[in-house]
Structures are given as structure tokens and as C-alpha cells.
Amino acid sequence: MENFKIIQVFKSFNRKDMKRFGEFIASPYFNKSKIIKELFEVFEKHHPGFDNRNFTLEKVYKKVFNDDKYDYHKIGNVISDLYQLSEKFLAYHSIEKKEFYIERNIFNELRNRGLYKIYEQKHSSYMKELIDRKYKDEDYFYYLYEMSDEFLWYATLKKPNTELNILQTEFDQFFSYTLLRLLRFYNLMLHERNQNNVNYRLTMFNEILNYVSNELTDQTPAIVVFKTILLLLHTKDRKYYNDLWELKERYMDEFKSDDRNLIYMHLYDYAAYMVNFKGDDSYNRDMFKIYKEQIDKKIMIPEGFHYFNFVNIVKIACRVQEFEYAENFMKEFRSSIPKNEEINVMEFCYGTIENVKGNLQKALKHFSKTNFQNFILKVQVKILLLKTYYKLGMFEQALGMIDSFRHFVLREENLLSEHKESYTKFLILVGDLIRLKESHSKNTGFEVNKLKNDAELIPANPFRVKAWLIEELKTL
């Protein structure tokens, strides 16, 4: 029975969904088959687990048809019909959540049936409701455009050659919708290109960039914010970072939760860029503030929280010496970690805390218990293990890690080219540093200066490899 699609659908239903589906198929408008209703009643008794040993196709057949002569095709056809009704129910369930979809079709039907007086009253009332909405995002502009388009059809029939301004209004609303969608696409694609080395084709990017930079006058908060994000991603200019902070403070309440997350994400990405590529550790405090604000404002909650963010929050809190905050966060959000990653994540975080506190043996013990499959977290563990081996004077283990890490970097296609180059040079220089220490040579001035110069030439600072190496060289 598990292989039947209808069972999989029913398993996704809660008790309320099952009740409503029962009401749905009880309506003769949707279903006139008594057999289907009886089949559903049998299935309903086994919801939600459908794991009773008596729940077999043969026994379901007997209950529905009251017939001992089992016919697989007969019961299979009825189950298929019930599944088709479940698809229709899911469609109606989705439509009910989209009030605009329903309203748009009501207007269409009123117009087609010539119910113009009702149409005008409802259209005027609904337009006012739309205009007064709090969130002026692309959905807002799309709904306005749809309603203007609908009214243009009405005006063409009822008031020909009047209301000529509607076309311009409709165009402006559609343009605002399109511009916001394009800005959102570009921002996400630039973000993914920077994070995951994906080479997207940004059609018309230069034209849109020129328009928003030189011609755009619309001060709608969503347009201004997404424009600023685009300019920040494109130029990496601190001016736009500061502007985005100011816009966040001014307009945050005018955005839905998903868009609030995006604003924080792009602020965080720039701060991380300044730390990882420019070596400016002053931005660590900004990164901590960004995460803390999202948690304090319940934008980030344990439900639906990603364990990548879990790891990052602990790391950033430790960088700015907020150990108590890190430990309290781990207790509050631990339930968010998938069970198959819980040991990895918690051991990594405990290791991070101990490492920053200087308890290197404890840190090494925790890091050694991790076995992440994700390549980004694999990289971080390898870097931390290598640094810890070096600090503890475990040079043989460190050289072994350098060798395995070098092969990993060569194989991993998802690493940014700039990061690959940085890791490769970092590994070479750490190896040189170890060999220099093991040589016990007193005439190391030239070698140390050469290592310092080579370290400064590392192109990026992913996971602080460049900054750490420079700091270590200063101690020689």
C-alpha cells in the first residue's frame, strides 16, 4: 500500500486536512461516487500511520465492495480516482490561500456577465484595499497591474475612448513589478556567483544597472533597498553598505520576513567579504550584530533554522569574545540541527569555543570527532586541525594534513578560484614554516622575511588563513 500515491498524500495531511478532504469529496459538485466516499472512510481510519497489519489491498477491497472475489484492477481504478480528487483538493487548497487569484477571477466573471454596477463598487473598494497595503513589494505592484489591466478591459467595453490614462498607469505598475523582479534575480545570482562560483548569464544587467544608477527616481522602499543591494554587490563600495544599514533602520517594518532575511544576508555577506578577502577583522563585530539582531527580533527562530547559520553564529560570537552568548545560543537552537548532523555541528562548535579560549588539546579532541560531508565545512575543519597541530607542535600530523588538504583543494570544483589559490599558497607557506622551525637554524631572518612577503601576496583570506599566517609569522 505504501507505493500508492494517495497514501503518500494522506500521510502529508494533518487531522484538519483529512476532515476537509472528507467534506470535499462529500460534495456532489466534486464527487458523485459513493464507492469513492466509502474508500476514503476506510483509509481515514488508518490515518496517519497506515501501518496496521490489517491494512492490505485485499481487505480494503472487501470492505469497499463487500465482495470476496478480489479484483486488483477494480480497486486500483477506484484508488486512482480518489488520488485524482486529492490533486484537485490540493489545487483548491492552494487557491484559497491566494486571495488575489480569487478576486481577479471574480472581477472577470462580473465583467463577462455584464454585472457592471457590482463590478464598479467592488473594483473601487478592492483598489483602495490594495493601495493601502503595508508591504509594497513586487506582489503589490503585480496585483495593481492586474487590476488596472482588468479595469482597462471593462473601460473598453463600457466607456470606450475614455479613461485613457489607465494604460500608462498599467504600464508603470508592470514596470515597477518587473524592475523589482529583475533586481531580486540579479541580487540572488550575484550572491550565488560570489558564494558558490556559479557563472550565470545576467541578461540586460548593464542596462538595468545604468538605469537604476542614473535614471531611477522611484523612492518605493523595496525598489530603493534592492537597488542599493545591487550596487553593493556590483561595486563592493562601503558607501552602499552604510546606505543599506541606514535603509534597514528606516524601512525594516515595511518588509515581509523573507525580505528582512535578504537584507541581513547581504549586509552579512559584505562584512564577511571584508574579513575574508580584505583581512579587516573590525567587521567581525558587524557580523555578530547582524546575527544577534535577527535572533532578538525573532527573524531567526529554531524552527526552519539552517545548521550552517548555527555554526557561523558560534564562530562569529567567539571571534568577538562573546562566549556566554555562543553557549546560550547553542542550548536554545540545538533542536534545529538535523539529527544526522547534530554530532558534527555540536563538536565543531565546542571545538571552536575551546580553540578561541586557547584550550587547544580540548579543541583538537572536538574537531577530530566531526565528519561533515559538505565541502565548505570540510574545508573549515581541515584548516582548524592544521592550525591546532601547528600550535601544539604536532608537525608530523600537520604535514600529513597539508598533504591531504592539498589533494582536496585540487579535486573540489565548487571552490572559488581565488580561494583555491589562497588555500594552495597557505598550505605551501605553512609547510615552509614548519620546516623552518624544525631546522633550528639561527640564521632565519631572510627566510622569515620571505615568508612574510609571500603571505602578504595570498589573494584572499577565506576562514582567516592569510590573517592567521601573518600573525604567526610576527611571533618569530
Protein backbone atom coordinates (compact mmCIF):
# COMPACT_ATOMS: atom_id res chain seq x y z
CA MET A 1 0.00 0.00 0.00
CA GLU A 2 2.93 2.36 0.65
CA ASN A 3 3.56 2.60 -3.10
CA PHE A 4 0.16 4.16 -3.80
CA LYS A 5 0.42 7.92 -4.31
CA ILE A 6 -2.80 8.51 -2.38
CA ILE A 7 -1.20 7.04 0.78
CA GLN A 8 1.76 9.41 0.42
CA VAL A 9 -0.64 12.33 0.03
CA PHE A 10 -2.69 11.31 3.06
CA LYS A 11 0.47 10.97 5.16
CA SER A 12 1.17 14.64 4.43
CA PHE A 13 -2.31 15.58 5.71
CA ASN A 14 -2.93 16.58 9.29
CA ARG A 15 -6.25 15.82 11.01
CA LYS A 16 -7.82 19.04 9.76
CA ASP A 17 -6.75 18.31 6.17
CA MET A 18 -8.33 14.85 6.33
CA LYS A 19 -11.59 16.30 7.65
CA ARG A 20 -11.72 18.95 4.92
CA PHE A 21 -10.90 16.40 2.21
CA GLY A 22 -13.78 14.28 3.50
CA GLU A 23 -16.07 17.29 3.16
CA PHE A 24 -14.63 17.95 -0.29
CA ILE A 25 -15.46 14.51 -1.71
CA ALA A 26 -18.83 14.51 0.05
CA SER A 27 -19.86 17.43 -2.15
CA PRO A 28 -21.70 16.23 -5.27
CA TYR A 29 -20.15 19.18 -7.13
CA PHE A 30 -16.76 17.43 -6.94
CA ASN A 31 -17.67 13.77 -6.50
CA LYS A 32 -20.79 11.73 -7.21
CA SER A 33 -19.30 8.30 -6.50
CA LYS A 34 -20.47 6.57 -3.32
CA ILE A 35 -17.68 3.98 -3.70
CA ILE A 36 -15.01 6.70 -3.53
CA LYS A 37 -16.53 8.11 -0.32
CA GLU A 38 -16.54 4.63 1.21
CA LEU A 39 -12.95 4.04 0.14
CA PHE A 40 -11.91 7.30 1.80
CA GLU A 41 -13.66 6.32 5.03
CA VAL A 42 -11.62 3.09 5.12
CA PHE A 43 -8.38 5.00 4.54
CA GLU A 44 -9.31 7.65 7.11
CA LYS A 45 -9.45 5.04 9.87
CA HIS A 46 -5.77 4.20 9.25
CA HIS A 47 -4.54 7.82 9.18
CA PRO A 48 -1.83 8.98 9.87
CA GLY A 49 0.45 5.92 10.01
CA PHE A 50 -1.26 3.49 7.61
CA ASP A 51 0.85 0.79 9.29
CA ASN A 52 -1.78 -1.58 10.73
CA ARG A 53 -1.13 -5.18 9.65
CA ASN A 54 -4.79 -5.47 8.58
CA PHE A 55 -4.37 -2.58 6.19
CA THR A 56 -3.92 -4.55 2.96
CA LEU A 57 -5.27 -4.03 -0.52
CA GLU A 58 -7.31 -7.21 -0.34
CA LYS A 59 -9.02 -6.21 2.92
CA VAL A 60 -9.67 -2.69 1.67
CA TYR A 61 -11.28 -4.22 -1.43
CA LYS A 62 -13.57 -6.42 0.64
CA LYS A 63 -14.72 -3.52 2.84
CA VAL A 64 -15.43 -1.25 -0.11
CA PHE A 65 -17.07 -3.73 -2.50
CA ASN A 66 -18.34 -6.31 0.03
CA ASP A 67 -17.09 -8.99 -2.33
CA ASP A 68 -14.74 -11.90 -1.58
CA LYS A 69 -13.68 -12.20 -5.21
CA TYR A 70 -10.63 -9.89 -5.23
CA ASP A 71 -10.06 -7.80 -8.37
CA TYR A 72 -6.80 -5.81 -8.32
CA HIS A 73 -7.69 -3.66 -11.32
CA LYS A 74 -11.09 -2.76 -9.92
CA ILE A 75 -9.74 -1.49 -6.58
CA GLY A 76 -6.75 0.09 -8.35
CA ASN A 77 -9.04 2.16 -10.57
CA VAL A 78 -11.05 3.47 -7.61
CA ILE A 79 -7.86 4.35 -5.69
CA SER A 80 -6.65 6.19 -8.78
CA ASP A 81 -9.92 8.14 -8.91
CA LEU A 82 -9.53 9.06 -5.24
CA TYR A 83 -5.99 10.26 -5.93
CA GLN A 84 -7.22 12.47 -8.80
CA LEU A 85 -9.68 14.06 -6.39
CA SER A 86 -6.86 14.63 -3.89
CA GLU A 87 -4.95 16.58 -6.56
CA LYS A 88 -8.00 18.73 -7.21
CA PHE A 89 -8.39 19.27 -3.45
CA LEU A 90 -4.75 20.37 -3.18
CA ALA A 91 -5.31 22.84 -6.03
CA TYR A 92 -8.36 24.35 -4.31
CA HIS A 93 -6.50 24.39 -1.01
CA SER A 94 -3.72 26.41 -2.64
CA ILE A 95 -6.15 28.79 -4.35
CA GLU A 96 -7.84 29.55 -1.05
CA LYS A 97 -4.53 30.90 0.27
CA LYS A 98 -4.21 33.29 -2.69
CA GLU A 99 -6.99 35.76 -2.17
CA PHE A 100 -5.93 37.85 -5.15
CA TYR A 101 -6.31 34.90 -7.53
CA ILE A 102 -9.92 34.52 -6.43
CA GLU A 103 -10.65 38.25 -6.58
CA ARG A 104 -9.18 38.60 -10.08
CA ASN A 105 -11.45 35.85 -11.38
CA ILE A 106 -14.49 37.32 -9.63
CA PHE A 107 -13.94 40.61 -11.47
CA ASN A 108 -13.53 38.74 -14.73
CA GLU A 109 -16.81 36.90 -14.25
CA LEU A 110 -18.69 40.04 -13.16
CA ARG A 111 -17.49 41.85 -16.29
CA ASN A 112 -18.28 38.97 -18.65
CA ARG A 113 -21.80 38.69 -17.20
CA GLY A 114 -22.44 42.40 -17.57
CA LEU A 115 -22.84 42.97 -13.83
CA TYR A 116 -21.26 46.40 -14.16
CA LYS A 117 -22.71 48.10 -11.09
CA ILE A 118 -21.46 45.35 -8.78
CA TYR A 119 -18.17 45.39 -10.70
CA GLU A 120 -17.61 49.13 -10.17
CA GLN A 121 -18.42 49.01 -6.46
CA LYS A 122 -16.20 46.02 -5.83
CA HIS A 123 -13.36 47.32 -8.02
CA SER A 124 -13.27 50.69 -6.25
CA SER A 125 -13.28 49.04 -2.82
CA TYR A 126 -10.64 46.47 -3.71
CA MET A 127 -8.29 49.02 -5.32
CA LYS A 128 -8.39 51.09 -2.14
CA GLU A 129 -7.55 47.98 -0.12
CA LEU A 130 -4.61 47.20 -2.41
CA ILE A 131 -3.20 50.73 -2.32
CA ASP A 132 -3.39 50.80 1.49
CA ARG A 133 -1.39 47.59 1.90
CA LYS A 134 1.67 47.81 4.12
CA TYR A 135 4.11 45.78 2.05
CA LYS A 136 4.89 47.46 -1.28
CA ASP A 137 6.81 44.57 -2.84
CA GLU A 138 6.58 43.09 -6.35
CA ASP A 139 3.39 41.22 -5.45
CA TYR A 140 1.83 44.57 -4.60
CA PHE A 141 2.77 46.07 -7.98
CA TYR A 142 1.72 42.92 -9.83
CA TYR A 143 -1.72 42.96 -8.20
CA LEU A 144 -2.12 46.65 -9.07
CA TYR A 145 -1.10 45.92 -12.64
CA GLU A 146 -3.58 43.02 -12.89
CA MET A 147 -6.40 45.16 -11.51
CA SER A 148 -5.57 48.02 -13.88
CA ASP A 149 -5.48 45.56 -16.77
CA GLU A 150 -8.85 44.17 -15.70
CA PHE A 151 -10.31 47.67 -15.47
CA LEU A 152 -8.93 48.52 -18.91
CA TRP A 153 -10.99 45.65 -20.38
CA TYR A 154 -14.03 46.95 -18.51
CA ALA A 155 -13.47 50.54 -19.69
CA THR A 156 -13.01 49.40 -23.30
CA LEU A 157 -16.43 47.73 -23.21
CA LYS A 158 -18.37 50.19 -21.03
CA LYS A 159 -16.57 53.52 -21.61
CA PRO A 160 -14.79 53.36 -24.97
CA ASN A 161 -12.24 56.12 -25.71
CA THR A 162 -12.28 57.30 -22.08
CA GLU A 163 -10.06 56.50 -19.11
CA LEU A 164 -7.06 56.79 -21.45
CA ASN A 165 -4.69 57.28 -18.55
CA ILE A 166 -5.22 53.68 -17.42
CA LEU A 167 -2.76 52.32 -19.98
CA GLN A 168 0.07 54.46 -18.61
CA THR A 169 -0.84 53.50 -15.06
CA GLU A 170 -0.89 49.84 -16.01
CA PHE A 171 2.49 50.15 -17.71
CA ASP A 172 4.07 51.93 -14.73
CA GLN A 173 2.80 49.28 -12.33
CA PHE A 174 4.02 46.46 -14.54
CA PHE A 175 7.39 48.18 -14.95
CA SER A 176 7.80 48.52 -11.16
CA TYR A 177 6.92 44.84 -10.77
CA THR A 178 9.38 43.82 -13.50
CA LEU A 179 12.15 46.03 -12.14
CA LEU A 180 11.79 44.56 -8.66
CA ARG A 181 11.81 41.01 -10.02
CA LEU A 182 14.94 41.74 -12.07
CA LEU A 183 16.71 43.36 -9.13
CA ARG A 184 15.83 40.39 -6.96
CA PHE A 185 17.11 37.95 -9.61
CA TYR A 186 20.35 39.86 -10.16
CA ASN A 187 20.99 40.16 -6.44
CA LEU A 188 20.49 36.46 -5.85
CA MET A 189 22.57 35.46 -8.88
CA LEU A 190 25.44 37.75 -7.89
CA HIS A 191 25.27 36.36 -4.36
CA GLU A 192 25.42 32.76 -5.61
CA ARG A 193 28.22 33.61 -8.03
CA ASN A 194 30.27 35.04 -5.18
CA GLN A 195 29.44 32.23 -2.75
CA ASN A 196 29.42 29.13 -4.96
CA ASN A 197 31.32 30.07 -8.12
CA VAL A 198 28.26 29.77 -10.40
CA ASN A 199 28.62 31.51 -13.77
CA TYR A 200 25.15 32.90 -14.51
CA ARG A 201 24.19 34.75 -17.69
CA LEU A 202 22.94 38.14 -16.45
CA THR A 203 20.90 39.26 -19.45
CA MET A 204 20.45 43.06 -19.67
CA PHE A 205 22.38 43.55 -16.43
CA ASN A 206 24.36 46.55 -17.69
CA GLU A 207 21.23 48.26 -19.00
CA ILE A 208 19.39 47.80 -15.68
CA LEU A 209 22.48 48.84 -13.72
CA ASN A 210 22.76 52.03 -15.76
CA TYR A 211 19.05 52.74 -15.31
CA VAL A 212 18.99 52.33 -11.53
CA SER A 213 22.27 54.24 -11.17
CA ASN A 214 21.39 57.25 -13.34
CA GLU A 215 17.68 57.43 -14.17
CA LEU A 216 15.63 55.78 -11.41
CA THR A 217 13.53 58.25 -9.40
CA ASP A 218 11.08 55.84 -7.70
CA GLN A 219 11.53 56.02 -3.92
CA THR A 220 9.42 53.00 -3.04
CA PRO A 221 11.34 51.36 -0.14
CA ALA A 222 11.57 47.95 -1.83
CA ILE A 223 12.98 49.43 -5.03
CA VAL A 224 15.46 51.64 -3.17
CA VAL A 225 16.64 48.77 -0.97
CA PHE A 226 17.07 46.25 -3.80
CA LYS A 227 18.79 48.88 -5.92
CA THR A 228 21.24 49.54 -3.06
CA ILE A 229 21.90 45.81 -2.67
CA LEU A 230 22.64 45.53 -6.39
CA LEU A 231 25.11 48.42 -6.26
CA LEU A 232 26.74 46.96 -3.15
CA LEU A 233 27.17 43.54 -4.78
CA HIS A 234 28.46 45.07 -8.00
CA THR A 235 30.88 47.64 -6.59
CA LYS A 236 31.67 46.34 -3.08
CA ASP A 237 31.77 50.00 -2.10
CA ARG A 238 31.42 50.67 1.64
CA LYS A 239 29.11 53.61 0.81
CA TYR A 240 26.34 51.23 -0.26
CA TYR A 241 26.96 49.05 2.79
CA ASN A 242 26.41 52.09 5.03
CA ASP A 243 23.37 53.07 2.96
CA LEU A 244 21.88 49.60 3.38
CA TRP A 245 22.34 49.75 7.16
CA GLU A 246 20.53 53.10 7.19
CA LEU A 247 17.72 51.82 4.95
CA LYS A 248 17.36 48.77 7.20
CA GLU A 249 16.84 51.01 10.21
CA ARG A 250 14.34 53.20 8.37
CA TYR A 251 12.24 50.68 6.44
CA MET A 252 12.61 47.24 8.02
CA ASP A 253 9.00 47.18 9.25
CA GLU A 254 7.79 47.67 5.66
CA PHE A 255 9.23 44.33 4.51
CA LYS A 256 7.95 40.79 4.91
CA SER A 257 10.08 38.34 6.88
CA ASP A 258 11.70 36.75 3.80
CA ASP A 259 12.88 40.13 2.55
CA ARG A 260 14.14 41.11 6.00
CA ASN A 261 16.27 37.98 5.87
CA LEU A 262 17.63 39.01 2.48
CA ILE A 263 18.62 42.46 3.74
CA TYR A 264 20.51 40.94 6.65
CA MET A 265 22.05 38.32 4.36
CA HIS A 266 23.54 40.94 2.04
CA LEU A 267 24.80 43.04 4.96
CA TYR A 268 26.45 39.94 6.38
CA ASP A 269 27.96 38.94 3.03
CA TYR A 270 29.67 42.31 2.65
CA ALA A 271 31.04 42.18 6.21
CA ALA A 272 32.27 38.61 5.58
CA TYR A 273 33.86 39.76 2.32
CA MET A 274 35.79 42.46 4.16
CA VAL A 275 37.02 39.90 6.70
CA ASN A 276 37.75 37.05 4.32
CA PHE A 277 39.08 38.92 1.29
CA LYS A 278 40.38 42.17 2.75
CA GLY A 279 41.52 40.93 6.14
CA ASP A 280 39.61 43.64 8.02
CA ASP A 281 38.66 41.95 11.30
CA SER A 282 36.78 45.05 12.52
CA TYR A 283 33.79 43.74 10.56
CA ASN A 284 33.52 40.70 12.86
CA ARG A 285 31.60 42.88 15.30
CA ASP A 286 29.18 43.85 12.49
CA MET A 287 28.69 40.19 11.61
CA PHE A 288 27.88 39.39 15.24
CA LYS A 289 25.45 42.34 15.43
CA ILE A 290 23.66 41.19 12.25
CA TYR A 291 23.08 37.70 13.62
CA LYS A 292 22.13 38.93 17.09
CA GLU A 293 19.54 41.37 15.68
CA GLN A 294 17.89 38.63 13.67
CA ILE A 295 17.66 36.38 16.71
CA ASP A 296 16.50 39.17 19.04
CA LYS A 297 13.80 40.21 16.58
CA LYS A 298 12.68 36.59 16.05
CA ILE A 299 13.58 36.79 12.37
CA MET A 300 15.73 33.75 13.08
CA ILE A 301 13.99 31.10 15.18
CA PRO A 302 14.88 27.44 15.83
CA GLU A 303 12.10 26.21 13.53
CA GLY A 304 13.48 26.01 10.00
CA PHE A 305 16.92 27.22 11.09
CA HIS A 306 19.84 26.00 8.94
CA TYR A 307 22.78 24.39 10.67
CA PHE A 308 25.23 26.40 8.52
CA ASN A 309 24.00 29.52 10.28
CA PHE A 310 24.23 27.68 13.61
CA VAL A 311 27.95 27.06 13.02
CA ASN A 312 28.57 30.61 11.79
CA ILE A 313 26.88 32.28 14.76
CA VAL A 314 29.05 30.35 17.22
CA LYS A 315 32.20 31.14 15.22
CA ILE A 316 31.44 34.88 14.98
CA ALA A 317 30.43 35.11 18.65
CA CYS A 318 33.76 33.53 19.62
CA ARG A 319 35.72 35.90 17.40
CA VAL A 320 34.36 38.86 19.37
CA GLN A 321 34.77 37.03 22.72
CA GLU A 322 31.01 36.56 23.26
CA PHE A 323 31.43 33.05 24.69
CA GLU A 324 28.43 33.16 27.00
CA TYR A 325 26.22 34.27 24.12
CA ALA A 326 27.55 31.39 21.98
CA GLU A 327 26.84 28.81 24.66
CA ASN A 328 23.33 30.14 25.37
CA PHE A 329 22.59 30.18 21.63
CA MET A 330 23.71 26.56 21.29
CA LYS A 331 21.29 25.49 24.03
CA GLU A 332 18.36 27.45 22.57
CA PHE A 333 18.84 26.43 18.94
CA ARG A 334 20.21 22.88 19.28
CA SER A 335 16.81 21.42 18.38
CA SER A 336 17.16 22.98 14.91
CA ILE A 337 20.09 20.76 13.90
CA PRO A 338 19.20 17.73 11.74
CA LYS A 339 19.82 14.53 13.69
CA ASN A 340 22.32 13.25 11.13
CA GLU A 341 24.43 16.42 11.59
CA GLU A 342 23.94 17.06 15.32
CA ILE A 343 27.19 15.43 16.49
CA ASN A 344 29.20 17.13 13.74
CA VAL A 345 27.76 20.57 14.45
CA MET A 346 27.97 20.43 18.24
CA GLU A 347 31.52 19.02 18.27
CA PHE A 348 32.61 21.67 15.79
CA CYS A 349 31.09 24.42 17.95
CA TYR A 350 32.55 23.08 21.20
CA GLY A 351 35.91 22.85 19.45
CA THR A 352 35.61 26.43 18.23
CA ILE A 353 34.92 27.74 21.74
CA GLU A 354 37.83 25.83 23.24
CA ASN A 355 40.13 26.84 20.39
CA VAL A 356 39.49 30.56 20.79
CA LYS A 357 39.85 30.26 24.55
CA GLY A 358 43.28 28.68 23.98
CA ASN A 359 42.40 25.16 25.16
CA LEU A 360 43.96 23.54 22.12
CA GLN A 361 44.02 19.92 23.26
CA LYS A 362 40.31 20.07 24.07
CA ALA A 363 39.65 21.78 20.74
CA LEU A 364 41.57 19.09 18.86
CA LYS A 365 39.54 16.38 20.57
CA HIS A 366 36.26 18.00 19.49
CA PHE A 367 37.33 18.76 15.89
CA SER A 368 38.55 15.18 15.41
CA LYS A 369 35.03 13.88 16.12
CA THR A 370 33.49 15.70 13.14
CA ASN A 371 32.83 14.11 9.75
CA PHE A 372 31.00 16.67 7.62
CA GLN A 373 30.01 15.81 4.05
CA ASN A 374 29.57 19.42 2.97
CA PHE A 375 32.71 20.73 1.26
CA ILE A 376 32.67 24.16 2.95
CA LEU A 377 32.57 22.65 6.43
CA LYS A 378 35.17 20.06 5.43
CA VAL A 379 37.49 22.94 4.48
CA GLN A 380 36.93 24.68 7.82
CA VAL A 381 37.68 21.54 9.82
CA LYS A 382 40.87 20.89 7.85
CA ILE A 383 42.05 24.47 8.42
CA LEU A 384 41.30 24.32 12.14
CA LEU A 385 43.01 20.94 12.56
CA LEU A 386 46.09 22.17 10.69
CA LYS A 387 46.31 25.34 12.80
CA THR A 388 45.87 23.33 16.01
CA TYR A 389 48.50 20.74 15.05
CA TYR A 390 50.91 23.57 14.29
CA LYS A 391 50.24 25.44 17.57
CA LEU A 392 50.70 22.23 19.57
CA GLY A 393 53.97 21.43 17.79
CA MET A 394 52.49 18.28 16.22
CA PHE A 395 54.39 18.89 13.00
CA GLU A 396 54.17 15.36 11.60
CA GLN A 397 50.37 15.44 11.83
CA ALA A 398 50.36 18.97 10.41
CA LEU A 399 52.40 17.92 7.36
CA GLY A 400 50.04 14.98 6.82
CA MET A 401 47.09 17.35 6.94
CA ILE A 402 48.78 19.69 4.45
CA ASP A 403 49.17 16.81 2.00
CA SER A 404 45.55 15.62 2.29
CA PHE A 405 44.23 19.19 2.22
CA ARG A 406 46.22 19.96 -0.96
CA HIS A 407 44.65 16.98 -2.75
CA PHE A 408 41.20 18.04 -1.53
CA VAL A 409 41.67 21.56 -2.95
CA LEU A 410 42.73 20.16 -6.33
CA ARG A 411 39.67 17.89 -6.52
CA GLU A 412 36.97 20.24 -5.21
CA GLU A 413 35.30 22.01 -8.16
CA ASN A 414 32.97 24.18 -6.06
CA LEU A 415 35.73 26.26 -4.52
CA LEU A 416 36.15 29.78 -5.87
CA SER A 417 39.33 30.07 -7.97
CA GLU A 418 40.60 32.84 -5.69
CA HIS A 419 40.02 30.62 -2.67
CA LYS A 420 41.75 27.67 -4.31
CA GLU A 421 44.81 29.81 -4.97
CA SER A 422 44.75 31.17 -1.43
CA TYR A 423 44.49 27.70 0.16
CA THR A 424 47.28 26.34 -2.04
CA LYS A 425 49.67 29.18 -1.13
CA PHE A 426 48.65 28.97 2.53
CA LEU A 427 49.48 25.25 2.64
CA ILE A 428 52.85 25.76 0.96
CA LEU A 429 53.79 28.53 3.40
CA VAL A 430 52.67 26.58 6.50
CA GLY A 431 54.81 23.68 5.28
CA ASP A 432 57.76 26.04 4.82
CA LEU A 433 57.14 27.50 8.27
CA ILE A 434 57.16 24.04 9.86
CA ARG A 435 60.36 23.06 8.10
CA LEU A 436 61.94 26.34 9.18
CA LYS A 437 61.02 25.63 12.80
CA GLU A 438 62.29 22.07 12.62
CA SER A 439 65.64 23.16 11.18
CA HIS A 440 66.51 25.09 14.39
CA SER A 441 68.56 27.42 12.22
CA LYS A 442 69.70 30.65 13.82
CA ASN A 443 70.06 32.50 10.51
CA THR A 444 66.34 32.68 9.76
CA GLY A 445 65.95 36.42 9.10
CA PHE A 446 65.94 36.11 5.32
CA GLU A 447 63.64 33.08 5.33
CA VAL A 448 61.17 34.70 7.71
CA ASN A 449 61.03 37.92 5.67
CA LYS A 450 60.47 35.92 2.52
CA LEU A 451 57.60 34.03 4.19
CA LYS A 452 56.10 37.33 5.38
CA ASN A 453 56.26 38.80 1.88
CA ASP A 454 54.76 35.65 0.35
CA ALA A 455 51.98 35.62 2.96
CA GLU A 456 51.02 39.21 2.09
CA LEU A 457 50.63 38.09 -1.55
CA ILE A 458 47.95 35.49 -0.73
CA PRO A 459 44.98 36.89 -2.72
CA ALA A 460 42.18 36.23 -0.22
CA ASN A 461 41.57 35.43 3.43
CA PRO A 462 38.94 32.63 3.47
CA PHE A 463 38.38 31.44 7.04
CA ARG A 464 41.22 33.77 8.11
CA VAL A 465 44.03 31.65 6.61
CA LYS A 466 46.00 34.71 5.47
CA ALA A 467 45.45 36.69 8.70
CA TRP A 468 46.41 33.69 10.86
CA LEU A 469 49.62 33.05 8.89
CA ILE A 470 50.68 36.71 9.11
CA GLU A 471 50.01 36.71 12.87
CA GLU A 472 52.11 33.55 13.35
CA LEU A 473 54.99 34.95 11.33
CA LYS A 474 55.05 38.06 13.52
CA THR A 475 55.85 35.84 16.53
CA LEU A 476 59.13 34.58 15.01
